Amino acid sequence: MNRKIVLKVTNFIWFQAIWWLVILYQNNAVWFVCLLITVWLWLSPKRLADLKLMFILFVMGTAIDSVLTHVGVFIFEEKRSLVAFWPIPVWLSLLWCAFAGTVYHSMVAFQGRVAVSALAGGIFAPLSYIAGANLGAVELGESILVTYLVVGIIWSIVFPFCFYLSEKISPAEIEIK
């Protein structure tokens, strides 16, 4: 099998594993998730670009989900905070970091396709948050419909913006397939 295909499939499985780990085990998975992120950076042929984007989305995602938590869209149990001063659970910030690790790899098909990425982000990202709520990782402070609409609007902007950032960080790193 082609190495690029293997890398994309590995990246997809890597992200799914992290998603399930943080949703099911929250703070108990933090150190293992950090290890998985480190392993990905070691394996990635685009490690510097991945690392830069991971840092930016770690900060940006933490800010976005902090605002959504502050306004009551998401509710996290206080005891789930691994770091007292962190505005949201650390595992959620790490999930943003892991998501960033997919942009140059398993999600690269969205690169340069603003309308498609906006639609995909607006439809599928809210489902991820709602699934997380159904599995007990977060409580929704609003109805499923309101949460879906709010998160969908945000992600219809955020998802294409991630690909815009990836181009700015490392245009030579992009390989559209």
N, C-alpha and C. Protein backbone atom coordinates (compact mmCIF):
# COMPACT_ATOMS: atom_id res chain seq x y z
N MET A 1 0.85 -1.18 0.00
CA MET A 1 0.00 0.00 0.00
C MET A 1 0.89 1.24 0.00
N ASN A 2 0.45 2.27 -0.65
CA ASN A 2 1.17 3.53 -0.74
C ASN A 2 1.41 4.13 0.65
N ARG A 3 2.62 4.61 0.90
CA ARG A 3 2.99 5.18 2.21
C ARG A 3 2.09 6.36 2.59
N LYS A 4 1.73 7.20 1.62
CA LYS A 4 0.87 8.36 1.91
C LYS A 4 -0.51 7.91 2.39
N ILE A 5 -1.04 6.87 1.77
CA ILE A 5 -2.35 6.36 2.18
C ILE A 5 -2.26 5.77 3.57
N VAL A 6 -1.21 5.00 3.83
CA VAL A 6 -1.02 4.41 5.16
C VAL A 6 -0.93 5.51 6.21
N LEU A 7 -0.20 6.58 5.89
CA LEU A 7 -0.06 7.69 6.83
C LEU A 7 -1.41 8.36 7.11
N LYS A 8 -2.21 8.56 6.08
CA LYS A 8 -3.52 9.19 6.25
C LYS A 8 -4.45 8.31 7.08
N VAL A 9 -4.44 7.02 6.80
CA VAL A 9 -5.28 6.09 7.57
C VAL A 9 -4.80 6.03 9.02
N THR A 10 -3.50 5.96 9.20
CA THR A 10 -2.93 5.96 10.56
C THR A 10 -3.33 7.22 11.30
N ASN A 11 -3.26 8.36 10.62
CA ASN A 11 -3.63 9.63 11.23
C ASN A 11 -5.10 9.64 11.63
N PHE A 12 -5.95 9.13 10.76
CA PHE A 12 -7.38 9.07 11.06
C PHE A 12 -7.64 8.20 12.29
N ILE A 13 -7.02 7.02 12.33
CA ILE A 13 -7.18 6.11 13.47
C ILE A 13 -6.62 6.74 14.74
N TRP A 14 -5.47 7.39 14.62
CA TRP A 14 -4.83 8.10 15.74
C TRP A 14 -5.80 9.11 16.36
N PHE A 15 -6.43 9.94 15.50
CA PHE A 15 -7.34 10.95 16.03
C PHE A 15 -8.57 10.30 16.67
N GLN A 16 -9.13 9.29 16.02
CA GLN A 16 -10.30 8.62 16.59
C GLN A 16 -9.97 8.00 17.95
N ALA A 17 -8.79 7.42 18.06
CA ALA A 17 -8.36 6.83 19.34
C ALA A 17 -8.29 7.91 20.42
N ILE A 18 -7.74 9.06 20.07
CA ILE A 18 -7.66 10.16 21.05
C ILE A 18 -9.05 10.65 21.41
N TRP A 19 -9.93 10.79 20.42
CA TRP A 19 -11.29 11.25 20.71
C TRP A 19 -11.95 10.32 21.72
N TRP A 20 -11.91 9.02 21.45
CA TRP A 20 -12.54 8.05 22.35
C TRP A 20 -11.88 8.07 23.73
N LEU A 21 -10.57 8.16 23.77
CA LEU A 21 -9.87 8.19 25.06
C LEU A 21 -10.31 9.37 25.91
N VAL A 22 -10.33 10.58 25.32
CA VAL A 22 -10.69 11.75 26.14
C VAL A 22 -12.16 11.76 26.49
N ILE A 23 -13.01 11.27 25.62
CA ILE A 23 -14.44 11.26 25.91
C ILE A 23 -14.75 10.23 27.01
N LEU A 24 -14.15 9.08 26.93
CA LEU A 24 -14.45 8.03 27.91
C LEU A 24 -13.69 8.18 29.23
N TYR A 25 -12.46 8.71 29.16
CA TYR A 25 -11.63 8.75 30.37
C TYR A 25 -11.24 10.14 30.83
N GLN A 26 -11.59 11.17 30.09
CA GLN A 26 -11.29 12.57 30.39
C GLN A 26 -9.88 12.76 30.96
N ASN A 27 -9.78 13.27 32.19
CA ASN A 27 -8.46 13.58 32.77
C ASN A 27 -7.58 12.35 32.95
N ASN A 28 -8.18 11.20 33.10
CA ASN A 28 -7.37 9.98 33.26
C ASN A 28 -6.61 9.63 31.99
N ALA A 29 -6.99 10.21 30.88
CA ALA A 29 -6.34 9.92 29.60
C ALA A 29 -5.30 10.97 29.20
N VAL A 30 -5.18 12.04 29.97
CA VAL A 30 -4.35 13.17 29.55
C VAL A 30 -2.90 12.77 29.25
N TRP A 31 -2.27 12.04 30.14
CA TRP A 31 -0.85 11.70 29.92
C TRP A 31 -0.69 10.77 28.73
N PHE A 32 -1.62 9.84 28.56
CA PHE A 32 -1.54 8.94 27.42
C PHE A 32 -1.77 9.70 26.11
N VAL A 33 -2.70 10.64 26.14
CA VAL A 33 -2.96 11.46 24.95
C VAL A 33 -1.73 12.30 24.62
N CYS A 34 -1.08 12.85 25.63
CA CYS A 34 0.17 13.60 25.39
C CYS A 34 1.21 12.70 24.72
N LEU A 35 1.28 11.47 25.16
CA LEU A 35 2.20 10.50 24.56
C LEU A 35 1.82 10.23 23.10
N LEU A 36 0.53 10.05 22.83
CA LEU A 36 0.08 9.80 21.45
C LEU A 36 0.36 11.00 20.55
N ILE A 37 0.20 12.20 21.06
CA ILE A 37 0.51 13.40 20.28
C ILE A 37 2.01 13.45 19.98
N THR A 38 2.82 13.13 20.97
CA THR A 38 4.27 13.09 20.78
C THR A 38 4.66 12.05 19.75
N VAL A 39 4.05 10.88 19.82
CA VAL A 39 4.33 9.82 18.84
C VAL A 39 3.95 10.29 17.44
N TRP A 40 2.79 10.96 17.32
CA TRP A 40 2.40 11.45 15.99
C TRP A 40 3.43 12.44 15.47
N LEU A 41 3.87 13.36 16.32
CA LEU A 41 4.85 14.34 15.87
C LEU A 41 6.16 13.66 15.45
N TRP A 42 6.49 12.58 16.08
CA TRP A 42 7.69 11.82 15.71
C TRP A 42 7.49 11.13 14.35
N LEU A 43 6.29 10.62 14.10
CA LEU A 43 6.00 9.91 12.85
C LEU A 43 5.75 10.84 11.67
N SER A 44 5.23 12.01 11.94
CA SER A 44 4.77 12.91 10.89
C SER A 44 5.89 13.42 10.00
N PRO A 45 5.68 13.35 8.69
CA PRO A 45 6.66 13.94 7.79
C PRO A 45 6.55 15.47 7.76
N LYS A 46 5.52 15.98 8.42
CA LYS A 46 5.27 17.43 8.45
C LYS A 46 5.25 17.92 9.90
N ARG A 47 6.18 17.41 10.70
CA ARG A 47 6.11 17.63 12.14
C ARG A 47 6.18 19.10 12.54
N LEU A 48 7.00 19.91 11.88
CA LEU A 48 7.09 21.31 12.28
C LEU A 48 5.78 22.04 11.98
N ALA A 49 5.21 21.79 10.82
CA ALA A 49 3.92 22.40 10.47
C ALA A 49 2.83 21.90 11.42
N ASP A 50 2.83 20.59 11.71
CA ASP A 50 1.87 20.04 12.66
C ASP A 50 2.01 20.71 14.02
N LEU A 51 3.25 20.83 14.50
CA LEU A 51 3.50 21.41 15.82
C LEU A 51 3.02 22.85 15.90
N LYS A 52 3.31 23.64 14.88
CA LYS A 52 2.86 25.04 14.85
C LYS A 52 1.34 25.12 14.88
N LEU A 53 0.70 24.32 14.03
CA LEU A 53 -0.76 24.36 13.97
C LEU A 53 -1.37 23.82 15.26
N MET A 54 -0.75 22.80 15.85
CA MET A 54 -1.24 22.27 17.13
C MET A 54 -1.20 23.35 18.21
N PHE A 55 -0.13 24.10 18.26
CA PHE A 55 -0.03 25.16 19.27
C PHE A 55 -1.13 26.20 19.06
N ILE A 56 -1.29 26.65 17.82
CA ILE A 56 -2.29 27.68 17.53
C ILE A 56 -3.70 27.18 17.85
N LEU A 57 -4.04 25.97 17.41
CA LEU A 57 -5.39 25.46 17.66
C LEU A 57 -5.61 25.07 19.11
N PHE A 58 -4.56 24.69 19.81
CA PHE A 58 -4.65 24.46 21.25
C PHE A 58 -5.13 25.74 21.94
N VAL A 59 -4.51 26.86 21.60
CA VAL A 59 -4.87 28.15 22.19
C VAL A 59 -6.24 28.61 21.69
N MET A 60 -6.44 28.57 20.38
CA MET A 60 -7.70 29.03 19.80
C MET A 60 -8.88 28.18 20.28
N GLY A 61 -8.71 26.87 20.26
CA GLY A 61 -9.77 25.98 20.69
C GLY A 61 -10.10 26.13 22.16
N THR A 62 -9.07 26.31 22.96
CA THR A 62 -9.29 26.53 24.40
C THR A 62 -10.10 27.81 24.59
N ALA A 63 -9.77 28.85 23.83
CA ALA A 63 -10.51 30.11 23.94
C ALA A 63 -11.97 29.93 23.51
N ILE A 64 -12.19 29.26 22.39
CA ILE A 64 -13.56 29.06 21.88
C ILE A 64 -14.39 28.25 22.88
N ASP A 65 -13.86 27.12 23.32
CA ASP A 65 -14.63 26.28 24.24
C ASP A 65 -14.75 26.91 25.62
N SER A 66 -13.81 27.77 25.99
CA SER A 66 -13.92 28.51 27.26
C SER A 66 -15.09 29.49 27.20
N VAL A 67 -15.22 30.18 26.08
CA VAL A 67 -16.35 31.11 25.91
C VAL A 67 -17.66 30.33 25.93
N LEU A 68 -17.72 29.22 25.20
CA LEU A 68 -18.94 28.41 25.19
C LEU A 68 -19.27 27.86 26.58
N THR A 69 -18.26 27.58 27.36
CA THR A 69 -18.48 27.12 28.73
C THR A 69 -18.93 28.29 29.60
N HIS A 70 -18.29 29.43 29.44
CA HIS A 70 -18.63 30.61 30.24
C HIS A 70 -20.08 31.06 30.02
N VAL A 71 -20.55 30.97 28.78
CA VAL A 71 -21.93 31.40 28.49
C VAL A 71 -22.95 30.29 28.73
N GLY A 72 -22.48 29.11 29.14
CA GLY A 72 -23.40 28.06 29.55
C GLY A 72 -23.80 27.06 28.50
N VAL A 73 -23.17 27.09 27.33
CA VAL A 73 -23.49 26.08 26.31
C VAL A 73 -22.96 24.72 26.76
N PHE A 74 -21.75 24.72 27.34
CA PHE A 74 -21.16 23.50 27.89
C PHE A 74 -21.02 23.64 29.40
N ILE A 75 -21.23 22.55 30.09
CA ILE A 75 -21.06 22.51 31.54
C ILE A 75 -20.15 21.34 31.87
N PHE A 76 -19.07 21.63 32.58
CA PHE A 76 -18.14 20.59 33.02
C PHE A 76 -18.15 20.55 34.53
N GLU A 77 -18.08 19.35 35.08
CA GLU A 77 -18.00 19.21 36.52
C GLU A 77 -16.71 19.85 37.00
N GLU A 78 -16.80 20.62 38.08
CA GLU A 78 -15.62 21.31 38.62
C GLU A 78 -14.50 20.33 38.96
N LYS A 79 -14.86 19.18 39.46
CA LYS A 79 -13.85 18.21 39.87
C LYS A 79 -13.08 17.61 38.69
N ARG A 80 -13.54 17.86 37.49
CA ARG A 80 -12.85 17.33 36.31
C ARG A 80 -11.67 18.19 35.88
N SER A 81 -11.50 19.34 36.51
CA SER A 81 -10.41 20.22 36.12
C SER A 81 -9.09 19.67 36.64
N LEU A 82 -8.21 19.31 35.73
CA LEU A 82 -6.91 18.77 36.09
C LEU A 82 -5.97 19.87 36.58
N VAL A 83 -6.09 21.04 35.97
CA VAL A 83 -5.29 22.20 36.35
C VAL A 83 -6.25 23.28 36.81
N ALA A 84 -6.11 23.71 38.05
CA ALA A 84 -7.09 24.60 38.68
C ALA A 84 -7.35 25.88 37.88
N PHE A 85 -6.34 26.46 37.29
CA PHE A 85 -6.52 27.74 36.61
C PHE A 85 -6.98 27.59 35.16
N TRP A 86 -7.00 26.37 34.62
CA TRP A 86 -7.36 26.17 33.21
C TRP A 86 -8.86 26.32 33.06
N PRO A 87 -9.33 27.10 32.07
CA PRO A 87 -10.76 27.43 31.97
C PRO A 87 -11.67 26.27 31.54
N ILE A 88 -11.10 25.27 30.89
CA ILE A 88 -11.87 24.09 30.47
C ILE A 88 -11.04 22.86 30.82
N PRO A 89 -11.62 21.69 30.76
CA PRO A 89 -10.81 20.49 31.02
C PRO A 89 -9.61 20.42 30.05
N VAL A 90 -8.46 20.06 30.59
CA VAL A 90 -7.24 19.98 29.78
C VAL A 90 -7.41 18.98 28.63
N TRP A 91 -8.15 17.91 28.89
CA TRP A 91 -8.35 16.91 27.83
C TRP A 91 -9.04 17.52 26.61
N LEU A 92 -9.91 18.51 26.82
CA LEU A 92 -10.60 19.15 25.70
C LEU A 92 -9.62 20.01 24.90
N SER A 93 -8.74 20.70 25.60
CA SER A 93 -7.70 21.47 24.90
C SER A 93 -6.79 20.54 24.10
N LEU A 94 -6.47 19.39 24.67
CA LEU A 94 -5.63 18.42 23.96
C LEU A 94 -6.35 17.84 22.74
N LEU A 95 -7.66 17.75 22.82
CA LEU A 95 -8.42 17.27 21.66
C LEU A 95 -8.29 18.25 20.50
N TRP A 96 -8.28 19.54 20.81
CA TRP A 96 -8.03 20.54 19.77
C TRP A 96 -6.64 20.35 19.16
N CYS A 97 -5.69 20.07 20.00
CA CYS A 97 -4.33 19.82 19.55
C CYS A 97 -4.30 18.61 18.61
N ALA A 98 -4.97 17.56 19.00
CA ALA A 98 -5.03 16.35 18.16
C ALA A 98 -5.75 16.64 16.85
N PHE A 99 -6.84 17.40 16.92
CA PHE A 99 -7.55 17.77 15.69
C PHE A 99 -6.60 18.49 14.74
N ALA A 100 -5.79 19.39 15.27
CA ALA A 100 -4.82 20.11 14.43
C ALA A 100 -3.88 19.13 13.72
N GLY A 101 -3.60 18.02 14.37
CA GLY A 101 -2.73 17.02 13.78
C GLY A 101 -3.33 16.31 12.58
N THR A 102 -4.61 16.53 12.31
CA THR A 102 -5.26 15.90 11.15
C THR A 102 -5.30 16.80 9.92
N VAL A 103 -5.10 18.09 10.12
CA VAL A 103 -5.31 19.06 9.05
C VAL A 103 -4.41 18.82 7.84
N TYR A 104 -3.15 18.52 8.05
CA TYR A 104 -2.23 18.27 6.94
C TYR A 104 -2.29 16.82 6.44
N HIS A 105 -3.08 16.00 7.09
CA HIS A 105 -3.02 14.57 6.81
C HIS A 105 -4.40 14.01 6.43
N SER A 106 -5.12 13.42 7.38
CA SER A 106 -6.38 12.75 7.04
C SER A 106 -7.49 13.72 6.64
N MET A 107 -7.36 15.00 6.97
CA MET A 107 -8.38 15.98 6.60
C MET A 107 -7.95 16.85 5.41
N VAL A 108 -6.84 16.54 4.80
CA VAL A 108 -6.28 17.39 3.74
C VAL A 108 -7.23 17.54 2.55
N ALA A 109 -8.16 16.64 2.37
CA ALA A 109 -9.12 16.74 1.26
C ALA A 109 -9.96 18.02 1.34
N PHE A 110 -10.07 18.60 2.53
CA PHE A 110 -10.84 19.84 2.69
C PHE A 110 -10.02 21.08 2.35
N GLN A 111 -8.72 20.93 2.19
CA GLN A 111 -7.84 22.06 1.90
C GLN A 111 -8.28 22.77 0.62
N GLY A 112 -8.46 24.08 0.69
CA GLY A 112 -8.83 24.86 -0.48
C GLY A 112 -10.29 24.77 -0.87
N ARG A 113 -11.07 24.07 -0.11
CA ARG A 113 -12.50 23.90 -0.40
C ARG A 113 -13.31 24.55 0.72
N VAL A 114 -13.39 25.86 0.66
CA VAL A 114 -13.97 26.64 1.75
C VAL A 114 -15.43 26.27 1.99
N ALA A 115 -16.24 26.23 0.95
CA ALA A 115 -17.66 25.93 1.12
C ALA A 115 -17.87 24.52 1.67
N VAL A 116 -17.14 23.57 1.15
CA VAL A 116 -17.28 22.18 1.60
C VAL A 116 -16.82 22.05 3.05
N SER A 117 -15.70 22.68 3.38
CA SER A 117 -15.21 22.59 4.76
C SER A 117 -16.14 23.33 5.73
N ALA A 118 -16.72 24.44 5.30
CA ALA A 118 -17.67 25.15 6.15
C ALA A 118 -18.91 24.28 6.41
N LEU A 119 -19.40 23.66 5.36
CA LEU A 119 -20.56 22.78 5.49
C LEU A 119 -20.24 21.57 6.38
N ALA A 120 -19.10 20.94 6.14
CA ALA A 120 -18.70 19.77 6.95
C ALA A 120 -18.52 20.16 8.41
N GLY A 121 -17.84 21.26 8.66
CA GLY A 121 -17.64 21.72 10.03
C GLY A 121 -18.96 22.04 10.71
N GLY A 122 -19.85 22.71 9.99
CA GLY A 122 -21.14 23.08 10.55
C GLY A 122 -22.05 21.90 10.83
N ILE A 123 -21.90 20.85 10.07
CA ILE A 123 -22.75 19.66 10.26
C ILE A 123 -22.15 18.68 11.26
N PHE A 124 -20.88 18.36 11.10
CA PHE A 124 -20.30 17.24 11.86
C PHE A 124 -19.70 17.61 13.21
N ALA A 125 -19.13 18.79 13.35
CA ALA A 125 -18.53 19.16 14.65
C ALA A 125 -19.57 19.17 15.78
N PRO A 126 -20.77 19.73 15.55
CA PRO A 126 -21.75 19.69 16.64
C PRO A 126 -22.11 18.27 17.05
N LEU A 127 -22.12 17.37 16.07
CA LEU A 127 -22.43 15.97 16.39
C LEU A 127 -21.38 15.37 17.31
N SER A 128 -20.14 15.79 17.15
CA SER A 128 -19.06 15.31 18.01
C SER A 128 -19.27 15.77 19.45
N TYR A 129 -19.63 17.03 19.63
CA TYR A 129 -19.89 17.55 20.97
C TYR A 129 -21.12 16.88 21.59
N ILE A 130 -22.15 16.69 20.79
CA ILE A 130 -23.37 16.05 21.30
C ILE A 130 -23.09 14.59 21.66
N ALA A 131 -22.30 13.91 20.85
CA ALA A 131 -21.91 12.53 21.18
C ALA A 131 -21.13 12.51 22.49
N GLY A 132 -20.23 13.48 22.67
CA GLY A 132 -19.49 13.59 23.92
C GLY A 132 -20.41 13.78 25.11
N ALA A 133 -21.46 14.56 24.91
CA ALA A 133 -22.45 14.77 25.98
C ALA A 133 -23.21 13.47 26.26
N ASN A 134 -23.59 12.77 25.22
CA ASN A 134 -24.31 11.51 25.40
C ASN A 134 -23.46 10.46 26.12
N LEU A 135 -22.14 10.58 26.00
CA LEU A 135 -21.23 9.65 26.67
C LEU A 135 -20.74 10.16 28.02
N GLY A 136 -21.26 11.32 28.45
CA GLY A 136 -20.98 11.82 29.79
C GLY A 136 -19.75 12.69 29.96
N ALA A 137 -19.11 13.09 28.88
CA ALA A 137 -17.90 13.91 29.00
C ALA A 137 -18.22 15.38 29.27
N VAL A 138 -19.39 15.81 28.87
CA VAL A 138 -19.81 17.20 29.03
C VAL A 138 -21.32 17.20 29.20
N GLU A 139 -21.81 18.21 29.85
CA GLU A 139 -23.26 18.40 29.95
C GLU A 139 -23.61 19.59 29.07
N LEU A 140 -24.70 19.48 28.35
CA LEU A 140 -25.15 20.59 27.51
C LEU A 140 -26.02 21.52 28.34
N GLY A 141 -25.69 22.80 28.32
CA GLY A 141 -26.44 23.78 29.08
C GLY A 141 -27.66 24.29 28.33
N GLU A 142 -27.74 23.95 27.08
CA GLU A 142 -28.87 24.34 26.23
C GLU A 142 -29.46 23.07 25.61
N SER A 143 -30.57 23.23 24.92
CA SER A 143 -31.17 22.07 24.24
C SER A 143 -30.21 21.56 23.17
N ILE A 144 -30.45 20.36 22.71
CA ILE A 144 -29.61 19.80 21.66
C ILE A 144 -29.68 20.67 20.41
N LEU A 145 -30.87 21.17 20.08
CA LEU A 145 -31.02 22.01 18.89
C LEU A 145 -30.21 23.30 19.01
N VAL A 146 -30.34 23.99 20.14
CA VAL A 146 -29.60 25.24 20.33
C VAL A 146 -28.10 24.98 20.31
N THR A 147 -27.68 23.93 21.01
CA THR A 147 -26.25 23.58 21.03
C THR A 147 -25.77 23.28 19.61
N TYR A 148 -26.55 22.49 18.88
CA TYR A 148 -26.18 22.14 17.51
C TYR A 148 -26.02 23.39 16.66
N LEU A 149 -26.97 24.30 16.76
CA LEU A 149 -26.91 25.52 15.94
C LEU A 149 -25.73 26.41 16.32
N VAL A 150 -25.51 26.62 17.62
CA VAL A 150 -24.41 27.47 18.07
C VAL A 150 -23.07 26.87 17.65
N VAL A 151 -22.86 25.61 17.98
CA VAL A 151 -21.60 24.95 17.65
C VAL A 151 -21.44 24.84 16.13
N GLY A 152 -22.53 24.58 15.43
CA GLY A 152 -22.48 24.48 13.97
C GLY A 152 -22.07 25.78 13.31
N ILE A 153 -22.61 26.88 13.78
CA ILE A 153 -22.23 28.19 13.22
C ILE A 153 -20.75 28.46 13.48
N ILE A 154 -20.32 28.20 14.70
CA ILE A 154 -18.91 28.44 15.04
C ILE A 154 -18.00 27.58 14.17
N TRP A 155 -18.31 26.30 14.07
CA TRP A 155 -17.44 25.38 13.32
C TRP A 155 -17.53 25.58 11.81
N SER A 156 -18.60 26.19 11.33
CA SER A 156 -18.66 26.49 9.89
C SER A 156 -17.65 27.59 9.54
N ILE A 157 -17.20 28.30 10.55
CA ILE A 157 -16.14 29.31 10.39
C ILE A 157 -14.78 28.72 10.77
N VAL A 158 -14.74 28.02 11.89
CA VAL A 158 -13.48 27.48 12.43
C VAL A 158 -12.85 26.46 11.49
N PHE A 159 -13.64 25.54 10.97
CA PHE A 159 -13.07 24.46 10.17
C PHE A 159 -12.34 25.00 8.93
N PRO A 160 -12.97 25.84 8.11
CA PRO A 160 -12.22 26.38 6.97
C PRO A 160 -11.04 27.26 7.42
N PHE A 161 -11.21 27.94 8.55
CA PHE A 161 -10.13 28.79 9.06
C PHE A 161 -8.89 27.95 9.41
N CYS A 162 -9.10 26.75 9.89
CA CYS A 162 -7.97 25.85 10.19
C CYS A 162 -7.14 25.58 8.94
N PHE A 163 -7.80 25.41 7.81
CA PHE A 163 -7.09 25.15 6.56
C PHE A 163 -6.42 26.42 6.04
N TYR A 164 -7.06 27.55 6.26
CA TYR A 164 -6.44 28.83 5.92
C TYR A 164 -5.15 29.00 6.73
N LEU A 165 -5.24 28.73 8.04
CA LEU A 165 -4.04 28.81 8.89
C LEU A 165 -2.95 27.86 8.41
N SER A 166 -3.35 26.66 8.04
CA SER A 166 -2.36 25.67 7.61
C SER A 166 -1.59 26.16 6.38
N GLU A 167 -2.28 26.85 5.49
CA GLU A 167 -1.61 27.41 4.31
C GLU A 167 -0.64 28.51 4.70
N LYS A 168 -1.03 29.33 5.67
CA LYS A 168 -0.18 30.43 6.11
C LYS A 168 1.04 29.92 6.87
N ILE A 169 0.85 28.87 7.64
CA ILE A 169 1.95 28.32 8.44
C ILE A 169 3.00 27.69 7.54
N SER A 170 2.55 26.93 6.58
CA SER A 170 3.50 26.17 5.77
C SER A 170 2.91 25.82 4.41
N PRO A 171 2.87 26.78 3.49
CA PRO A 171 2.26 26.50 2.19
C PRO A 171 2.93 25.36 1.44
N ALA A 172 4.21 25.17 1.62
CA ALA A 172 4.91 24.08 0.93
C ALA A 172 4.55 22.72 1.51
N GLU A 173 3.96 22.72 2.69
CA GLU A 173 3.62 21.46 3.35
C GLU A 173 2.31 20.86 2.84
N ILE A 174 1.52 21.66 2.15
CA ILE A 174 0.20 21.21 1.71
C ILE A 174 0.33 20.29 0.50
N GLU A 175 -0.36 19.19 0.59
CA GLU A 175 -0.40 18.28 -0.56
C GLU A 175 -1.85 17.85 -0.72
N ILE A 176 -2.52 18.42 -1.68
CA ILE A 176 -3.94 18.14 -1.88
C ILE A 176 -4.09 16.88 -2.72
N LYS A 177 -4.88 15.97 -2.21
CA LYS A 177 -5.16 14.72 -2.93
C LYS A 177 -6.62 14.43 -2.84
